[in-house]
Protein backbone atom coordinates (compact mmCIF):
# COMPACT_ATOMS: atom_id res chain seq x y z
CA UNK A 1 11.89 32.10 50.82
CA UNK A 2 13.43 29.31 48.77
CA UNK A 3 11.58 27.49 46.02
CA UNK A 4 9.70 24.36 46.96
CA UNK A 5 11.27 21.26 45.43
CA UNK A 6 8.67 19.74 43.14
CA UNK A 7 9.16 16.38 41.46
CA UNK A 8 7.25 15.02 38.46
CA UNK A 9 4.47 12.56 39.29
CA UNK A 10 5.90 9.02 38.92
CA UNK A 11 3.02 7.84 36.76
CA UNK A 12 3.80 10.33 33.99
CA UNK A 13 7.54 10.87 34.43
CA UNK A 14 8.36 8.16 31.87
CA UNK A 15 5.81 9.24 29.29
CA UNK A 16 6.97 12.56 27.92
CA UNK A 17 6.73 14.14 24.48
CA UNK A 18 10.21 15.08 23.11
CA UNK A 19 9.07 18.60 22.29
CA UNK A 20 7.78 19.18 25.83
CA UNK A 21 11.00 17.74 27.29
CA UNK A 22 13.07 20.12 25.15
CA UNK A 23 10.79 23.02 26.07
CA UNK A 24 11.24 22.26 29.77
CA UNK A 25 15.01 22.08 29.39
CA UNK A 26 15.07 25.48 27.69
CA UNK A 27 12.92 27.03 30.42
CA UNK A 28 15.29 25.71 33.10
CA UNK A 29 18.35 26.89 31.16
CA UNK A 30 16.90 30.37 30.59
CA UNK A 31 15.88 30.62 34.24
CA UNK A 32 19.40 29.67 35.28
CA UNK A 33 20.89 32.18 32.86
CA UNK A 34 18.71 34.92 34.36
CA UNK A 35 19.56 33.81 37.92
CA UNK A 36 15.88 33.44 38.85
CA UNK A 37 14.25 30.93 41.15
CA UNK A 38 11.30 28.95 39.92
CA UNK A 39 9.08 30.83 42.35
CA UNK A 40 10.27 34.18 41.03
CA UNK A 41 9.51 33.18 37.44
CA UNK A 42 6.12 31.80 38.45
CA UNK A 43 5.22 35.05 40.17
CA UNK A 44 6.43 37.18 37.25
CA UNK A 45 4.55 35.00 34.74
CA UNK A 46 1.41 34.89 36.91
CA UNK A 47 1.28 31.09 36.88
CA UNK A 48 1.41 28.61 39.75
CA UNK A 49 4.76 27.20 40.77
CA UNK A 50 3.34 23.71 40.24
CA UNK A 51 2.35 24.66 36.69
CA UNK A 52 5.84 26.00 35.99
CA UNK A 53 7.42 22.89 37.53
CA UNK A 54 5.35 20.66 35.24
CA UNK A 55 6.48 22.76 32.30
CA UNK A 56 10.15 22.36 33.31
CA UNK A 57 9.76 18.60 33.77
CA UNK A 58 8.30 18.21 30.29
CA UNK A 59 4.83 17.20 31.42
CA UNK A 60 3.10 20.56 31.10
CA UNK A 61 0.94 20.85 27.99
CA UNK A 62 0.62 24.60 28.36
CA UNK A 63 -1.26 27.12 26.23
CA UNK A 64 0.46 29.65 24.02
CA UNK A 65 -0.72 32.45 26.32
CA UNK A 66 1.09 30.83 29.26
CA UNK A 67 4.22 30.46 27.12
CA UNK A 68 4.02 34.16 26.26
CA UNK A 69 3.76 34.99 29.97
CA UNK A 70 6.74 32.76 30.81
CA UNK A 71 8.79 34.29 27.96
CA UNK A 72 8.01 37.77 29.26
CA UNK A 73 9.02 36.72 32.78
CA UNK A 74 12.31 35.32 31.49
CA UNK A 75 12.85 38.40 29.28
CA UNK A 76 13.34 36.32 26.16
CA UNK A 77 11.54 35.93 22.84
CA UNK A 78 8.95 33.21 22.32
CA UNK A 79 11.25 31.89 19.56
CA UNK A 80 14.03 31.35 22.10
CA UNK A 81 11.67 29.58 24.47
CA UNK A 82 10.30 27.12 21.91
CA UNK A 83 13.72 26.39 20.40
CA UNK A 84 13.87 28.27 17.09
CA UNK A 85 17.09 27.41 15.22
CA UNK A 86 18.23 31.02 15.31
CA UNK A 87 18.30 30.99 19.13
CA UNK A 88 20.28 27.81 19.73
CA UNK A 89 23.67 29.40 20.37
CA UNK A 90 25.10 32.73 21.57
CA UNK A 91 26.25 33.63 18.03
CA UNK A 92 22.76 33.07 16.64
CA UNK A 93 21.26 35.19 19.42
CA UNK A 94 23.75 38.00 18.82
CA UNK A 95 22.96 37.95 15.10
CA UNK A 96 19.22 38.06 15.79
CA UNK A 97 19.68 41.04 18.09
CA UNK A 98 21.75 42.89 15.48
CA UNK A 99 19.21 42.28 12.71
CA UNK A 100 16.02 42.83 14.65
CA UNK A 101 13.97 45.84 13.50
CA UNK A 102 16.24 46.50 10.50
CA UNK A 103 14.56 47.57 7.27
CA UNK A 104 14.30 45.34 4.21
CA UNK A 105 17.05 47.13 2.30
CA UNK A 106 19.51 46.62 5.16
CA UNK A 107 18.54 42.96 5.55
CA UNK A 108 19.11 42.42 1.84
CA UNK A 109 22.61 43.90 2.05
CA UNK A 110 23.36 41.60 4.98
CA UNK A 111 22.03 38.56 3.08
CA UNK A 112 24.23 39.38 0.07
CA UNK A 113 27.26 39.86 2.33
CA UNK A 114 26.59 36.54 4.07
CA UNK A 115 26.28 34.84 0.69
CA UNK A 116 29.75 36.16 -0.17
CA UNK A 117 31.21 34.84 3.08
CA UNK A 118 29.65 31.43 2.45
CA UNK A 119 30.80 31.34 -1.17
CA UNK A 120 27.24 31.54 -2.48
CA UNK A 121 27.59 34.73 -4.47
CA UNK A 122 29.88 37.64 -5.26
CA UNK A 123 28.91 41.27 -4.84
CA UNK A 124 29.80 43.43 -7.80
CA UNK A 125 30.55 40.52 -10.12
CA UNK A 126 28.87 40.26 -13.52
CA UNK A 127 25.37 38.82 -13.32
CA UNK A 128 25.01 35.11 -13.87
CA UNK A 129 24.09 34.15 -17.46
CA UNK A 130 21.73 31.65 -15.86
CA UNK A 131 18.41 33.55 -16.05
CA UNK A 132 15.59 32.32 -13.82
CA UNK A 133 12.02 33.52 -14.25
CA UNK A 134 9.90 33.56 -11.09
CA UNK A 135 6.25 34.37 -10.56
CA UNK A 136 2.85 32.79 -10.15
CA UNK A 137 1.43 30.38 -12.72
CA UNK A 138 0.09 32.34 -15.67
CA UNK A 139 2.71 35.11 -15.49
CA UNK A 140 4.23 34.05 -18.83
CA UNK A 141 7.33 32.21 -17.62
CA UNK A 142 7.09 29.35 -20.13
CA UNK A 143 6.01 31.37 -23.18
CA UNK A 144 8.37 34.29 -22.64
CA UNK A 145 11.13 32.07 -21.26
CA UNK A 146 11.27 29.88 -24.35
CA UNK A 147 11.44 32.91 -26.64
CA UNK A 148 14.12 34.52 -24.48
CA UNK A 149 16.23 31.34 -24.54
CA UNK A 150 16.03 31.19 -28.33
CA UNK A 151 16.98 34.85 -28.61
CA UNK A 152 19.99 34.44 -26.30
CA UNK A 153 21.02 31.07 -27.75
CA UNK A 154 20.70 29.48 -24.30
CA UNK A 155 19.08 26.16 -23.35
CA UNK A 156 15.53 26.50 -21.99
CA UNK A 157 14.82 24.57 -18.77
CA UNK A 158 11.25 24.05 -17.59
CA UNK A 159 11.96 23.10 -13.99
CA UNK A 160 8.57 21.40 -13.53
CA UNK A 161 9.46 18.95 -16.32
CA UNK A 162 12.82 18.26 -14.67
CA UNK A 163 11.06 17.54 -11.38
CA UNK A 164 8.81 15.03 -13.16
CA UNK A 165 11.86 13.32 -14.66
CA UNK A 166 13.39 12.89 -11.22
CA UNK A 167 10.18 11.52 -9.74
CA UNK A 168 9.06 9.44 -12.70
CA UNK A 169 5.54 10.85 -12.49
CA UNK A 170 3.63 14.11 -12.92
CA UNK A 171 3.73 17.01 -10.49
CA UNK A 172 0.11 16.30 -9.50
CA UNK A 173 0.98 12.66 -8.79
CA UNK A 174 4.04 13.61 -6.73
CA UNK A 175 1.93 15.85 -4.51
CA UNK A 176 -1.01 13.47 -4.18
CA UNK A 177 1.07 10.31 -3.66
CA UNK A 178 4.06 11.58 -1.69
CA UNK A 179 3.04 14.98 -0.35
CA UNK A 180 4.35 18.52 -0.45
CA UNK A 181 7.60 17.77 1.38
CA UNK A 182 8.61 15.15 -1.20
CA UNK A 183 7.77 17.57 -4.00
CA UNK A 184 9.99 20.24 -2.45
CA UNK A 185 12.88 17.76 -2.24
CA UNK A 186 12.53 16.90 -5.94
CA UNK A 187 12.32 20.61 -6.74
CA UNK A 188 15.59 21.30 -4.89
CA UNK A 189 17.34 18.39 -6.65
CA UNK A 190 16.11 19.54 -10.05
CA UNK A 191 17.38 23.08 -9.46
CA UNK A 192 20.75 21.84 -8.17
CA UNK A 193 21.22 19.71 -11.28
CA UNK A 194 20.18 22.52 -13.62
CA UNK A 195 22.74 24.83 -11.99
CA UNK A 196 25.42 22.16 -12.26
CA UNK A 197 24.71 21.27 -15.90
CA UNK A 198 23.93 24.67 -17.44
CA UNK A 199 26.36 27.58 -17.04
CA UNK A 200 24.01 29.51 -19.36
CA UNK A 201 20.27 28.91 -19.45
CA UNK A 202 16.81 30.38 -19.12
CA UNK A 203 14.96 28.57 -16.34
CA UNK A 204 11.20 28.76 -15.84
CA UNK A 205 10.58 28.00 -12.16
CA UNK A 206 7.43 26.68 -10.45
CA UNK A 207 5.41 29.43 -8.79
CA UNK A 208 5.76 27.97 -5.31
CA UNK A 209 9.55 27.59 -5.37
CA UNK A 210 9.91 30.78 -3.31
CA UNK A 211 8.08 29.14 -0.40
CA UNK A 212 11.16 27.02 0.37
CA UNK A 213 13.81 29.39 1.72
CA UNK A 214 16.77 27.06 1.05
CA UNK A 215 15.79 26.48 -2.59
CA UNK A 216 15.03 30.15 -3.17
CA UNK A 217 18.40 31.13 -1.68
CA UNK A 218 20.06 28.71 -4.09
CA UNK A 219 18.23 30.31 -7.00
CA UNK A 220 19.09 33.87 -5.92
CA UNK A 221 22.75 32.96 -5.45
CA UNK A 222 23.30 31.22 -8.79
CA UNK A 223 20.92 32.95 -11.21
CA UNK A 224 19.91 36.33 -12.49
CA UNK A 225 16.30 36.35 -11.36
CA UNK A 226 13.36 38.09 -13.05
CA UNK A 227 9.94 38.41 -11.44
CA UNK A 228 7.24 38.30 -14.10
CA UNK A 229 4.29 40.09 -12.55
CA UNK A 230 0.71 40.12 -13.78
CA UNK A 231 -2.68 41.33 -12.60
CA UNK A 232 -4.72 38.65 -10.80
CA UNK A 233 -7.29 38.71 -13.58
CA UNK A 234 -4.60 37.97 -16.17
CA UNK A 235 -3.18 35.14 -14.08
CA UNK A 236 -6.63 33.59 -13.86
CA UNK A 237 -7.40 34.08 -17.55
CA UNK A 238 -4.12 32.51 -18.67
CA UNK A 239 -4.44 29.54 -16.31
CA UNK A 240 -7.99 28.92 -17.52
CA UNK A 241 -6.76 29.08 -21.10
CA UNK A 242 -4.32 26.27 -20.23
CA UNK A 243 -7.22 24.17 -18.97
CA UNK A 244 -5.91 24.01 -15.42
CA UNK A 245 -6.94 25.79 -12.24
CA UNK A 246 -3.90 24.78 -10.16
CA UNK A 247 -3.36 25.89 -7.45
CA UNK A 248 -6.98 27.09 -7.17
CA UNK A 249 -8.63 23.75 -8.00
CA UNK A 250 -11.94 22.90 -6.33
CA UNK A 251 -12.29 26.38 -4.82
CA UNK A 252 -15.51 28.37 -5.09
CA UNK A 253 -13.55 31.52 -4.34
CA UNK A 254 -10.81 30.98 -6.91
CA UNK A 255 -10.04 34.66 -7.49
CA UNK A 256 -9.80 35.39 -3.79
CA UNK A 257 -7.54 32.37 -3.37
CA UNK A 258 -5.32 33.58 -6.19
CA UNK A 259 -5.09 37.08 -4.70
CA UNK A 260 -4.20 35.55 -1.34
CA UNK A 261 -1.42 33.45 -2.90
CA UNK A 262 -0.07 36.50 -4.73
CA UNK A 263 -0.12 38.56 -1.55
CA UNK A 264 1.63 35.81 0.39
CA UNK A 265 4.41 35.36 -2.17
CA UNK A 266 4.92 38.93 -3.39
CA UNK A 267 7.47 39.76 -0.68
CA UNK A 268 9.58 36.80 -1.83
CA UNK A 269 9.15 37.40 -5.58
CA UNK A 270 10.26 40.99 -4.98
CA UNK A 271 13.73 39.72 -4.01
CA UNK A 272 14.38 39.01 -7.70
CA UNK A 273 17.07 41.10 -9.40
CA UNK A 274 14.67 42.38 -12.06
CA UNK A 275 10.93 42.61 -12.52
CA UNK A 276 8.59 43.01 -15.47
CA UNK A 277 4.84 43.59 -15.60
CA UNK A 278 3.45 41.18 -18.21
CA UNK A 279 -0.02 42.73 -18.00
CA UNK A 280 1.07 46.22 -19.02
CA UNK A 281 1.56 45.61 -22.77
CA UNK A 282 0.74 43.10 -25.53
CA UNK A 283 2.89 39.96 -25.62
CA UNK A 284 5.31 41.12 -28.32
CA UNK A 285 6.05 44.41 -26.57
CA UNK A 286 6.39 42.53 -23.27
CA UNK A 287 8.90 40.12 -24.79
CA UNK A 288 10.94 42.98 -26.26
CA UNK A 289 10.99 44.62 -22.83
CA UNK A 290 12.18 41.38 -21.24
CA UNK A 291 14.81 40.86 -23.94
CA UNK A 292 16.18 44.39 -23.52
CA UNK A 293 16.17 44.13 -19.71
CA UNK A 294 18.01 40.81 -19.60
CA UNK A 295 20.55 41.69 -22.29
CA UNK A 296 21.37 44.91 -20.45
CA UNK A 297 21.75 43.06 -17.13
CA UNK A 298 24.04 40.45 -18.72
CA UNK A 299 25.96 43.14 -20.62
CA UNK A 300 25.10 41.58 -23.98
CA UNK A 301 24.61 43.55 -27.20
CA UNK A 302 21.01 44.64 -27.78
C-alpha cells in the first residue's frame, strides 16, 4: 500500500522554526537515501504516519525519544538526524565511521596526522620553544611559569592579562557584561597574537581554555604543552590564598564543584605533551622537576 499524501496544516505551514525545518529536511533526505516510504519508517519507528509527516514538514516538536526511534528506523545516528557538522557530507560520514570505537591512542595519532596535513604541526620535528602551561586555577601556572621563563630567558605571557588588554576590562567584567562566548573569542584572539609575536615564550593559560576545542587545538599545534596537576585540596588551598574562589564562587559545595570541574577537564588536560604533579613535592623541588622536564623536551642544556 502506498503512503498517504499528508500536507502541513495551512495555519502553521508559514510559522516554522528553522531548526525543525532543517530536521524535517534531513529526515526526508535520509528516508530517500534508504529507499523507505514514510509509512515504512513510521511503522519501524512505532510512531503515527501523521506524526512523522509533521516532523518532515518542520512542524513536529517531537521528543528526544521519538527522534531516537526515528534514527533507529532510518539506521542512522542521532547526530546525523539532528545535523551534527560531522555528518553533513559523505566524506564526514566516512571519517566518522572509520574513527568510531577507536581507542584514545589511535585517535591521537590521527589528530596529529591531520594537523600535519592541514599545516598545523609537524610530526617528529623539534618541540616548539613556546611552552604553554595548562591546568586548573591553583596548579602553579603563574608562579612556576614566571620562574621557568626567567630560567630559559624567554618572555612570560599571562594569557588572562592579555585577554583583559584586548577587552579593556577584567576577566570578571568580560564574563558578567558580555558573557562566556565573548570571553572565549577574546581568549582565542589573545592566544593567536601571543603565538604570532613570541617564537619563544612561557605561556600561562586560563584553566578553562581546554573547553574550547578550536582554541585548544591551536595551543596543542603551536606550543609544547605541560599539564600542571594538583590534588583538589591543594587547588582549593592555593585559590583561597589568592583571595579568590573562582570558578567556585557562591557555592556551598565548593570542593565538590572543584572535583567536578577537574573530572570534566582531565581528559583534555591529559592531551598535553608533558605533565607534572605540583602536589607531590615542595615548590623548589617541583620547579626543578619542571625545569629539567622542559629543558629535556626542548633539547636545551640542563
